Amino acid sequence: EVADRAIPGHWEGDLLIGAYKRSAI
């Protein structure tokens, strides 16, 4: 059910890294 995107509520996540790898969101 995650792969076919039919049911909502399945998330993907990561960190976005800032300059010089000193910060992130």
mmCIF file of all heavy atoms, coordinates in Angstrom:
data_MODEL
# 
_entry.id   MODEL 
# 
loop_
_atom_site.group_PDB 
_atom_site.id 
_atom_site.type_symbol 
_atom_site.label_atom_id 
_atom_site.label_alt_id 
_atom_site.label_comp_id 
_atom_site.label_asym_id 
_atom_site.label_entity_id 
_atom_site.label_seq_id 
_atom_site.pdbx_PDB_ins_code 
_atom_site.Cartn_x 
_atom_site.Cartn_y 
_atom_site.Cartn_z 
_atom_site.occupancy 
_atom_site.B_iso_or_equiv 
_atom_site.pdbx_formal_charge 
_atom_site.auth_seq_id 
_atom_site.auth_comp_id 
_atom_site.auth_asym_id 
_atom_site.auth_atom_id 
_atom_site.pdbx_PDB_model_num 
ATOM 1   N N   . GLU A 1 1  ? 0.829  -1.219 0.000  1.00 0.00 ? 1  GLU A N   1 
ATOM 2   C CA  . GLU A 1 1  ? 0.000  0.000  0.000  1.00 0.00 ? 1  GLU A CA  1 
ATOM 3   C C   . GLU A 1 1  ? 0.854  1.256  0.000  1.00 0.00 ? 1  GLU A C   1 
ATOM 4   O O   . GLU A 1 1  ? 0.400  2.327  -0.419 1.00 0.00 ? 1  GLU A O   1 
ATOM 5   C CB  . GLU A 1 1  ? -0.944 0.012  1.192  1.00 0.00 ? 1  GLU A CB  1 
ATOM 6   C CG  . GLU A 1 1  ? -0.282 0.262  2.540  1.00 0.00 ? 1  GLU A CG  1 
ATOM 7   C CD  . GLU A 1 1  ? -1.297 0.416  3.651  1.00 0.00 ? 1  GLU A CD  1 
ATOM 8   O OE1 . GLU A 1 1  ? -2.297 -0.327 3.674  1.00 0.00 ? 1  GLU A OE1 1 
ATOM 9   O OE2 . GLU A 1 1  ? -1.080 1.294  4.507  1.00 0.00 ? 1  GLU A OE2 1 
ATOM 10  N N   . VAL A 1 2  ? 2.109  1.154  0.463  1.00 0.00 ? 2  VAL A N   1 
ATOM 11  C CA  . VAL A 1 2  ? 3.002  2.309  0.426  1.00 0.00 ? 2  VAL A CA  1 
ATOM 12  C C   . VAL A 1 2  ? 3.454  2.568  -1.003 1.00 0.00 ? 2  VAL A C   1 
ATOM 13  O O   . VAL A 1 2  ? 3.472  3.706  -1.476 1.00 0.00 ? 2  VAL A O   1 
ATOM 14  C CB  . VAL A 1 2  ? 4.222  2.089  1.340  1.00 0.00 ? 2  VAL A CB  1 
ATOM 15  C CG1 . VAL A 1 2  ? 5.094  3.339  1.350  1.00 0.00 ? 2  VAL A CG1 1 
ATOM 16  C CG2 . VAL A 1 2  ? 3.784  1.718  2.741  1.00 0.00 ? 2  VAL A CG2 1 
ATOM 17  N N   . ALA A 1 3  ? 3.810  1.505  -1.698 1.00 0.00 ? 3  ALA A N   1 
ATOM 18  C CA  . ALA A 1 3  ? 4.351  1.654  -3.046 1.00 0.00 ? 3  ALA A CA  1 
ATOM 19  C C   . ALA A 1 3  ? 3.329  2.186  -4.039 1.00 0.00 ? 3  ALA A C   1 
ATOM 20  O O   . ALA A 1 3  ? 3.668  2.982  -4.918 1.00 0.00 ? 3  ALA A O   1 
ATOM 21  C CB  . ALA A 1 3  ? 4.903  0.315  -3.531 1.00 0.00 ? 3  ALA A CB  1 
ATOM 22  N N   . ASP A 1 4  ? 2.060  1.767  -3.916 1.00 0.00 ? 4  ASP A N   1 
ATOM 23  C CA  . ASP A 1 4  ? 1.080  2.171  -4.929 1.00 0.00 ? 4  ASP A CA  1 
ATOM 24  C C   . ASP A 1 4  ? 0.452  3.545  -4.653 1.00 0.00 ? 4  ASP A C   1 
ATOM 25  O O   . ASP A 1 4  ? -0.357 4.014  -5.449 1.00 0.00 ? 4  ASP A O   1 
ATOM 26  C CB  . ASP A 1 4  ? -0.015 1.117  -5.082 1.00 0.00 ? 4  ASP A CB  1 
ATOM 27  C CG  . ASP A 1 4  ? -0.848 0.906  -3.817 1.00 0.00 ? 4  ASP A CG  1 
ATOM 28  O OD1 . ASP A 1 4  ? -0.845 1.787  -2.933 1.00 0.00 ? 4  ASP A OD1 1 
ATOM 29  O OD2 . ASP A 1 4  ? -1.500 -0.142 -3.725 1.00 0.00 ? 4  ASP A OD2 1 
ATOM 30  N N   . ARG A 1 5  ? 0.797  4.177  -3.538 1.00 0.00 ? 5  ARG A N   1 
ATOM 31  C CA  . ARG A 1 5  ? 0.353  5.548  -3.221 1.00 0.00 ? 5  ARG A CA  1 
ATOM 32  C C   . ARG A 1 5  ? -1.164 5.677  -3.127 1.00 0.00 ? 5  ARG A C   1 
ATOM 33  O O   . ARG A 1 5  ? -1.704 6.779  -3.222 1.00 0.00 ? 5  ARG A O   1 
ATOM 34  C CB  . ARG A 1 5  ? 0.877  6.550  -4.256 1.00 0.00 ? 5  ARG A CB  1 
ATOM 35  C CG  . ARG A 1 5  ? 2.389  6.588  -4.385 1.00 0.00 ? 5  ARG A CG  1 
ATOM 36  C CD  . ARG A 1 5  ? 2.807  7.587  -5.467 1.00 0.00 ? 5  ARG A CD  1 
ATOM 37  N NE  . ARG A 1 5  ? 4.220  7.534  -5.748 1.00 0.00 ? 5  ARG A NE  1 
ATOM 38  C CZ  . ARG A 1 5  ? 5.139  8.297  -5.170 1.00 0.00 ? 5  ARG A CZ  1 
ATOM 39  N NH1 . ARG A 1 5  ? 4.776  9.158  -4.253 1.00 0.00 ? 5  ARG A NH1 1 
ATOM 40  N NH2 . ARG A 1 5  ? 6.408  8.192  -5.509 1.00 0.00 ? 5  ARG A NH2 1 
ATOM 41  N N   . ALA A 1 6  ? -1.858 4.583  -2.973 1.00 0.00 ? 6  ALA A N   1 
ATOM 42  C CA  . ALA A 1 6  ? -3.323 4.646  -2.945 1.00 0.00 ? 6  ALA A CA  1 
ATOM 43  C C   . ALA A 1 6  ? -3.848 5.168  -1.614 1.00 0.00 ? 6  ALA A C   1 
ATOM 44  O O   . ALA A 1 6  ? -4.891 5.833  -1.572 1.00 0.00 ? 6  ALA A O   1 
ATOM 45  C CB  . ALA A 1 6  ? -3.899 3.255  -3.221 1.00 0.00 ? 6  ALA A CB  1 
ATOM 46  N N   . ILE A 1 7  ? -3.140 4.873  -0.536 1.00 0.00 ? 7  ILE A N   1 
ATOM 47  C CA  . ILE A 1 7  ? -3.600 5.261  0.799  1.00 0.00 ? 7  ILE A CA  1 
ATOM 48  C C   . ILE A 1 7  ? -2.696 6.361  1.338  1.00 0.00 ? 7  ILE A C   1 
ATOM 49  O O   . ILE A 1 7  ? -1.472 6.213  1.358  1.00 0.00 ? 7  ILE A O   1 
ATOM 50  C CB  . ILE A 1 7  ? -3.582 4.051  1.753  1.00 0.00 ? 7  ILE A CB  1 
ATOM 51  C CG1 . ILE A 1 7  ? -4.518 2.962  1.223  1.00 0.00 ? 7  ILE A CG1 1 
ATOM 52  C CG2 . ILE A 1 7  ? -3.978 4.455  3.161  1.00 0.00 ? 7  ILE A CG2 1 
ATOM 53  C CD1 . ILE A 1 7  ? -4.527 1.697  2.047  1.00 0.00 ? 7  ILE A CD1 1 
ATOM 54  N N   . PRO A 1 8  ? -3.247 7.498  1.766  1.00 0.00 ? 8  PRO A N   1 
ATOM 55  C CA  . PRO A 1 8  ? -2.415 8.586  2.292  1.00 0.00 ? 8  PRO A CA  1 
ATOM 56  C C   . PRO A 1 8  ? -1.882 8.256  3.678  1.00 0.00 ? 8  PRO A C   1 
ATOM 57  O O   . PRO A 1 8  ? -2.407 7.388  4.378  1.00 0.00 ? 8  PRO A O   1 
ATOM 58  C CB  . PRO A 1 8  ? -3.379 9.771  2.334  1.00 0.00 ? 8  PRO A CB  1 
ATOM 59  C CG  . PRO A 1 8  ? -4.723 9.142  2.522  1.00 0.00 ? 8  PRO A CG  1 
ATOM 60  C CD  . PRO A 1 8  ? -4.676 7.841  1.769  1.00 0.00 ? 8  PRO A CD  1 
ATOM 61  N N   . GLY A 1 9  ? -0.842 8.948  4.078  1.00 0.00 ? 9  GLY A N   1 
ATOM 62  C CA  . GLY A 1 9  ? -0.282 8.777  5.403  1.00 0.00 ? 9  GLY A CA  1 
ATOM 63  C C   . GLY A 1 9  ? 1.086  8.139  5.410  1.00 0.00 ? 9  GLY A C   1 
ATOM 64  O O   . GLY A 1 9  ? 1.648  7.889  6.478  1.00 0.00 ? 9  GLY A O   1 
ATOM 65  N N   . HIS A 1 10 ? 1.649  7.870  4.228  1.00 0.00 ? 10 HIS A N   1 
ATOM 66  C CA  . HIS A 1 10 ? 2.979  7.284  4.136  1.00 0.00 ? 10 HIS A CA  1 
ATOM 67  C C   . HIS A 1 10 ? 3.957  8.376  3.683  1.00 0.00 ? 10 HIS A C   1 
ATOM 68  O O   . HIS A 1 10 ? 3.790  8.950  2.601  1.00 0.00 ? 10 HIS A O   1 
ATOM 69  C CB  . HIS A 1 10 ? 2.977  6.108  3.167  1.00 0.00 ? 10 HIS A CB  1 
ATOM 70  C CG  . HIS A 1 10 ? 2.089  4.983  3.604  1.00 0.00 ? 10 HIS A CG  1 
ATOM 71  N ND1 . HIS A 1 10 ? 2.392  4.168  4.668  1.00 0.00 ? 10 HIS A ND1 1 
ATOM 72  C CD2 . HIS A 1 10 ? 0.879  4.569  3.138  1.00 0.00 ? 10 HIS A CD2 1 
ATOM 73  C CE1 . HIS A 1 10 ? 1.429  3.275  4.835  1.00 0.00 ? 10 HIS A CE1 1 
ATOM 74  N NE2 . HIS A 1 10 ? 0.490  3.504  3.923  1.00 0.00 ? 10 HIS A NE2 1 
ATOM 75  N N   . TRP A 1 11 ? 4.949  8.619  4.501  1.00 0.00 ? 11 TRP A N   1 
ATOM 76  C CA  . TRP A 1 11 ? 5.833  9.771  4.315  1.00 0.00 ? 11 TRP A CA  1 
ATOM 77  C C   . TRP A 1 11 ? 7.251  9.330  3.975  1.00 0.00 ? 11 TRP A C   1 
ATOM 78  O O   . TRP A 1 11 ? 7.675  8.219  4.290  1.00 0.00 ? 11 TRP A O   1 
ATOM 79  C CB  . TRP A 1 11 ? 5.870  10.613 5.593  1.00 0.00 ? 11 TRP A CB  1 
ATOM 80  C CG  . TRP A 1 11 ? 4.541  11.202 5.950  1.00 0.00 ? 11 TRP A CG  1 
ATOM 81  C CD1 . TRP A 1 11 ? 3.477  10.565 6.521  1.00 0.00 ? 11 TRP A CD1 1 
ATOM 82  C CD2 . TRP A 1 11 ? 4.115  12.557 5.745  1.00 0.00 ? 11 TRP A CD2 1 
ATOM 83  N NE1 . TRP A 1 11 ? 2.425  11.428 6.692  1.00 0.00 ? 11 TRP A NE1 1 
ATOM 84  C CE2 . TRP A 1 11 ? 2.788  12.660 6.224  1.00 0.00 ? 11 TRP A CE2 1 
ATOM 85  C CE3 . TRP A 1 11 ? 4.737  13.691 5.219  1.00 0.00 ? 11 TRP A CE3 1 
ATOM 86  C CZ2 . TRP A 1 11 ? 2.071  13.854 6.183  1.00 0.00 ? 11 TRP A CZ2 1 
ATOM 87  C CZ3 . TRP A 1 11 ? 4.024  14.880 5.184  1.00 0.00 ? 11 TRP A CZ3 1 
ATOM 88  C CH2 . TRP A 1 11 ? 2.711  14.954 5.659  1.00 0.00 ? 11 TRP A CH2 1 
ATOM 89  N N   . GLU A 1 12 ? 7.978  10.239 3.330  1.00 0.00 ? 12 GLU A N   1 
ATOM 90  C CA  . GLU A 1 12 ? 9.410  10.093 3.111  1.00 0.00 ? 12 GLU A CA  1 
ATOM 91  C C   . GLU A 1 12 ? 10.092 11.301 3.734  1.00 0.00 ? 12 GLU A C   1 
ATOM 92  O O   . GLU A 1 12 ? 9.551  12.423 3.679  1.00 0.00 ? 12 GLU A O   1 
ATOM 93  C CB  . GLU A 1 12 ? 9.734  10.030 1.619  1.00 0.00 ? 12 GLU A CB  1 
ATOM 94  C CG  . GLU A 1 12 ? 9.132  8.825  0.917  1.00 0.00 ? 12 GLU A CG  1 
ATOM 95  C CD  . GLU A 1 12 ? 9.325  8.857  -0.586 1.00 0.00 ? 12 GLU A CD  1 
ATOM 96  O OE1 . GLU A 1 12 ? 9.954  9.818  -1.094 1.00 0.00 ? 12 GLU A OE1 1 
ATOM 97  O OE2 . GLU A 1 12 ? 8.836  7.928  -1.257 1.00 0.00 ? 12 GLU A OE2 1 
ATOM 98  N N   . GLY A 1 13 ? 11.250 11.078 4.346  1.00 0.00 ? 13 GLY A N   1 
ATOM 99  C CA  . GLY A 1 13 ? 11.912 12.179 5.035  1.00 0.00 ? 13 GLY A CA  1 
ATOM 100 C C   . GLY A 1 13 ? 13.415 12.175 4.864  1.00 0.00 ? 13 GLY A C   1 
ATOM 101 O O   . GLY A 1 13 ? 14.028 11.177 4.478  1.00 0.00 ? 13 GLY A O   1 
ATOM 102 N N   . ASP A 1 14 ? 14.007 13.328 5.179  1.00 0.00 ? 14 ASP A N   1 
ATOM 103 C CA  . ASP A 1 14 ? 15.457 13.489 5.072  1.00 0.00 ? 14 ASP A CA  1 
ATOM 104 C C   . ASP A 1 14 ? 15.833 14.783 5.770  1.00 0.00 ? 14 ASP A C   1 
ATOM 105 O O   . ASP A 1 14 ? 14.964 15.589 6.151  1.00 0.00 ? 14 ASP A O   1 
ATOM 106 C CB  . ASP A 1 14 ? 15.874 13.531 3.600  1.00 0.00 ? 14 ASP A CB  1 
ATOM 107 C CG  . ASP A 1 14 ? 17.369 13.367 3.400  1.00 0.00 ? 14 ASP A CG  1 
ATOM 108 O OD1 . ASP A 1 14 ? 18.050 12.960 4.366  1.00 0.00 ? 14 ASP A OD1 1 
ATOM 109 O OD2 . ASP A 1 14 ? 17.864 13.655 2.301  1.00 0.00 ? 14 ASP A OD2 1 
ATOM 110 N N   . LEU A 1 15 ? 17.129 14.995 5.915  1.00 0.00 ? 15 LEU A N   1 
ATOM 111 C CA  . LEU A 1 15 ? 17.652 16.276 6.367  1.00 0.00 ? 15 LEU A CA  1 
ATOM 112 C C   . LEU A 1 15 ? 18.178 17.051 5.170  1.00 0.00 ? 15 LEU A C   1 
ATOM 113 O O   . LEU A 1 15 ? 18.831 16.481 4.294  1.00 0.00 ? 15 LEU A O   1 
ATOM 114 C CB  . LEU A 1 15 ? 18.786 16.084 7.378  1.00 0.00 ? 15 LEU A CB  1 
ATOM 115 C CG  . LEU A 1 15 ? 18.446 15.419 8.714  1.00 0.00 ? 15 LEU A CG  1 
ATOM 116 C CD1 . LEU A 1 15 ? 19.673 15.429 9.617  1.00 0.00 ? 15 LEU A CD1 1 
ATOM 117 C CD2 . LEU A 1 15 ? 17.276 16.104 9.395  1.00 0.00 ? 15 LEU A CD2 1 
ATOM 118 N N   . LEU A 1 16 ? 17.868 18.334 5.128  1.00 0.00 ? 16 LEU A N   1 
ATOM 119 C CA  . LEU A 1 16 ? 18.464 19.231 4.139  1.00 0.00 ? 16 LEU A CA  1 
ATOM 120 C C   . LEU A 1 16 ? 19.573 20.000 4.854  1.00 0.00 ? 16 LEU A C   1 
ATOM 121 O O   . LEU A 1 16 ? 19.321 20.696 5.834  1.00 0.00 ? 16 LEU A O   1 
ATOM 122 C CB  . LEU A 1 16 ? 17.406 20.187 3.584  1.00 0.00 ? 16 LEU A CB  1 
ATOM 123 C CG  . LEU A 1 16 ? 17.723 20.847 2.243  1.00 0.00 ? 16 LEU A CG  1 
ATOM 124 C CD1 . LEU A 1 16 ? 17.813 19.801 1.144  1.00 0.00 ? 16 LEU A CD1 1 
ATOM 125 C CD2 . LEU A 1 16 ? 16.644 21.872 1.882  1.00 0.00 ? 16 LEU A CD2 1 
ATOM 126 N N   . ILE A 1 17 ? 20.796 19.842 4.375  1.00 0.00 ? 17 ILE A N   1 
ATOM 127 C CA  . ILE A 1 17 ? 21.961 20.353 5.074  1.00 0.00 ? 17 ILE A CA  1 
ATOM 128 C C   . ILE A 1 17 ? 22.314 21.755 4.581  1.00 0.00 ? 17 ILE A C   1 
ATOM 129 O O   . ILE A 1 17 ? 22.261 22.041 3.380  1.00 0.00 ? 17 ILE A O   1 
ATOM 130 C CB  . ILE A 1 17 ? 23.170 19.414 4.890  1.00 0.00 ? 17 ILE A CB  1 
ATOM 131 C CG1 . ILE A 1 17 ? 22.782 17.982 5.270  1.00 0.00 ? 17 ILE A CG1 1 
ATOM 132 C CG2 . ILE A 1 17 ? 24.352 19.883 5.721  1.00 0.00 ? 17 ILE A CG2 1 
ATOM 133 C CD1 . ILE A 1 17 ? 22.313 17.828 6.696  1.00 0.00 ? 17 ILE A CD1 1 
ATOM 134 N N   . GLY A 1 18 ? 22.690 22.626 5.507  1.00 0.00 ? 18 GLY A N   1 
ATOM 135 C CA  . GLY A 1 18 ? 23.045 23.999 5.183  1.00 0.00 ? 18 GLY A CA  1 
ATOM 136 C C   . GLY A 1 18 ? 24.516 24.172 4.850  1.00 0.00 ? 18 GLY A C   1 
ATOM 137 O O   . GLY A 1 18 ? 25.272 23.203 4.700  1.00 0.00 ? 18 GLY A O   1 
ATOM 138 N N   . ALA A 1 19 ? 24.942 25.431 4.745  1.00 0.00 ? 19 ALA A N   1 
ATOM 139 C CA  . ALA A 1 19 ? 26.311 25.763 4.361  1.00 0.00 ? 19 ALA A CA  1 
ATOM 140 C C   . ALA A 1 19 ? 27.306 25.187 5.352  1.00 0.00 ? 19 ALA A C   1 
ATOM 141 O O   . ALA A 1 19 ? 27.084 25.215 6.577  1.00 0.00 ? 19 ALA A O   1 
ATOM 142 C CB  . ALA A 1 19 ? 26.469 27.280 4.273  1.00 0.00 ? 19 ALA A CB  1 
ATOM 143 N N   . TYR A 1 20 ? 28.395 24.649 4.827  1.00 0.00 ? 20 TYR A N   1 
ATOM 144 C CA  . TYR A 1 20 ? 29.491 24.082 5.629  1.00 0.00 ? 20 TYR A CA  1 
ATOM 145 C C   . TYR A 1 20 ? 29.015 22.965 6.564  1.00 0.00 ? 20 TYR A C   1 
ATOM 146 O O   . TYR A 1 20 ? 29.704 22.635 7.531  1.00 0.00 ? 20 TYR A O   1 
ATOM 147 C CB  . TYR A 1 20 ? 30.196 25.181 6.446  1.00 0.00 ? 20 TYR A CB  1 
ATOM 148 C CG  . TYR A 1 20 ? 30.644 26.350 5.605  1.00 0.00 ? 20 TYR A CG  1 
ATOM 149 C CD1 . TYR A 1 20 ? 29.982 27.572 5.681  1.00 0.00 ? 20 TYR A CD1 1 
ATOM 150 C CD2 . TYR A 1 20 ? 31.716 26.230 4.744  1.00 0.00 ? 20 TYR A CD2 1 
ATOM 151 C CE1 . TYR A 1 20 ? 30.385 28.653 4.893  1.00 0.00 ? 20 TYR A CE1 1 
ATOM 152 C CE2 . TYR A 1 20 ? 32.124 27.303 3.953  1.00 0.00 ? 20 TYR A CE2 1 
ATOM 153 C CZ  . TYR A 1 20 ? 31.455 28.509 4.041  1.00 0.00 ? 20 TYR A CZ  1 
ATOM 154 O OH  . TYR A 1 20 ? 31.860 29.568 3.254  1.00 0.00 ? 20 TYR A OH  1 
ATOM 155 N N   . LYS A 1 21 ? 27.837 22.405 6.266  1.00 0.00 ? 21 LYS A N   1 
ATOM 156 C CA  . LYS A 1 21 ? 27.282 21.292 7.047  1.00 0.00 ? 21 LYS A CA  1 
ATOM 157 C C   . LYS A 1 21 ? 27.103 21.644 8.524  1.00 0.00 ? 21 LYS A C   1 
ATOM 158 O O   . LYS A 1 21 ? 27.156 20.775 9.394  1.00 0.00 ? 21 LYS A O   1 
ATOM 159 C CB  . LYS A 1 21 ? 28.168 20.045 6.903  1.00 0.00 ? 21 LYS A CB  1 
ATOM 160 C CG  . LYS A 1 21 ? 28.295 19.554 5.468  1.00 0.00 ? 21 LYS A CG  1 
ATOM 161 C CD  . LYS A 1 21 ? 29.111 18.277 5.384  1.00 0.00 ? 21 LYS A CD  1 
ATOM 162 C CE  . LYS A 1 21 ? 29.185 17.798 3.936  1.00 0.00 ? 21 LYS A CE  1 
ATOM 163 N NZ  . LYS A 1 21 ? 29.960 16.540 3.800  1.00 0.00 ? 21 LYS A NZ  1 
ATOM 164 N N   . ARG A 1 22 ? 26.857 22.911 8.788  1.00 0.00 ? 22 ARG A N   1 
ATOM 165 C CA  . ARG A 1 22 ? 26.727 23.378 10.173 1.00 0.00 ? 22 ARG A CA  1 
ATOM 166 C C   . ARG A 1 22 ? 25.281 23.499 10.636 1.00 0.00 ? 22 ARG A C   1 
ATOM 167 O O   . ARG A 1 22 ? 25.027 23.781 11.816 1.00 0.00 ? 22 ARG A O   1 
ATOM 168 C CB  . ARG A 1 22 ? 27.436 24.720 10.343 1.00 0.00 ? 22 ARG A CB  1 
ATOM 169 C CG  . ARG A 1 22 ? 28.950 24.639 10.138 1.00 0.00 ? 22 ARG A CG  1 
ATOM 170 C CD  . ARG A 1 22 ? 29.562 26.020 10.152 1.00 0.00 ? 22 ARG A CD  1 
ATOM 171 N NE  . ARG A 1 22 ? 31.017 25.964 9.905  1.00 0.00 ? 22 ARG A NE  1 
ATOM 172 C CZ  . ARG A 1 22 ? 31.778 27.037 9.682  1.00 0.00 ? 22 ARG A CZ  1 
ATOM 173 N NH1 . ARG A 1 22 ? 31.219 28.250 9.674  1.00 0.00 ? 22 ARG A NH1 1 
ATOM 174 N NH2 . ARG A 1 22 ? 33.069 26.902 9.456  1.00 0.00 ? 22 ARG A NH2 1 
ATOM 175 N N   . SER A 1 23 ? 24.339 23.358 9.746  1.00 0.00 ? 23 SER A N   1 
ATOM 176 C CA  . SER A 1 23 ? 22.929 23.488 10.119 1.00 0.00 ? 23 SER A CA  1 
ATOM 177 C C   . SER A 1 23 ? 22.107 22.571 9.208  1.00 0.00 ? 23 SER A C   1 
ATOM 178 O O   . SER A 1 23 ? 22.593 22.093 8.178  1.00 0.00 ? 23 SER A O   1 
ATOM 179 C CB  . SER A 1 23 ? 22.457 24.939 9.985  1.00 0.00 ? 23 SER A CB  1 
ATOM 180 O OG  . SER A 1 23 ? 22.599 25.385 8.640  1.00 0.00 ? 23 SER A OG  1 
ATOM 181 N N   . ALA A 1 24 ? 20.860 22.362 9.605  1.00 0.00 ? 24 ALA A N   1 
ATOM 182 C CA  . ALA A 1 24 ? 20.001 21.467 8.818  1.00 0.00 ? 24 ALA A CA  1 
ATOM 183 C C   . ALA A 1 24 ? 18.543 21.715 9.180  1.00 0.00 ? 24 ALA A C   1 
ATOM 184 O O   . ALA A 1 24 ? 18.228 22.331 10.205 1.00 0.00 ? 24 ALA A O   1 
ATOM 185 C CB  . ALA A 1 24 ? 20.365 20.006 9.075  1.00 0.00 ? 24 ALA A CB  1 
ATOM 186 N N   . ILE A 1 25 ? 17.645 21.237 8.308  1.00 0.00 ? 25 ILE A N   1 
ATOM 187 C CA  . ILE A 1 25 ? 16.210 21.214 8.597  1.00 0.00 ? 25 ILE A CA  1 
ATOM 188 C C   . ILE A 1 25 ? 15.677 19.837 8.222  1.00 0.00 ? 25 ILE A C   1 
ATOM 189 O O   . ILE A 1 25 ? 16.303 19.086 7.462  1.00 0.00 ? 25 ILE A O   1 
ATOM 190 C CB  . ILE A 1 25 ? 15.425 22.299 7.830  1.00 0.00 ? 25 ILE A CB  1 
ATOM 191 C CG1 . ILE A 1 25 ? 15.584 22.103 6.315  1.00 0.00 ? 25 ILE A CG1 1 
ATOM 192 C CG2 . ILE A 1 25 ? 15.846 23.685 8.266  1.00 0.00 ? 25 ILE A CG2 1 
ATOM 193 C CD1 . ILE A 1 25 ? 14.685 23.001 5.488  1.00 0.00 ? 25 ILE A CD1 1 
# 
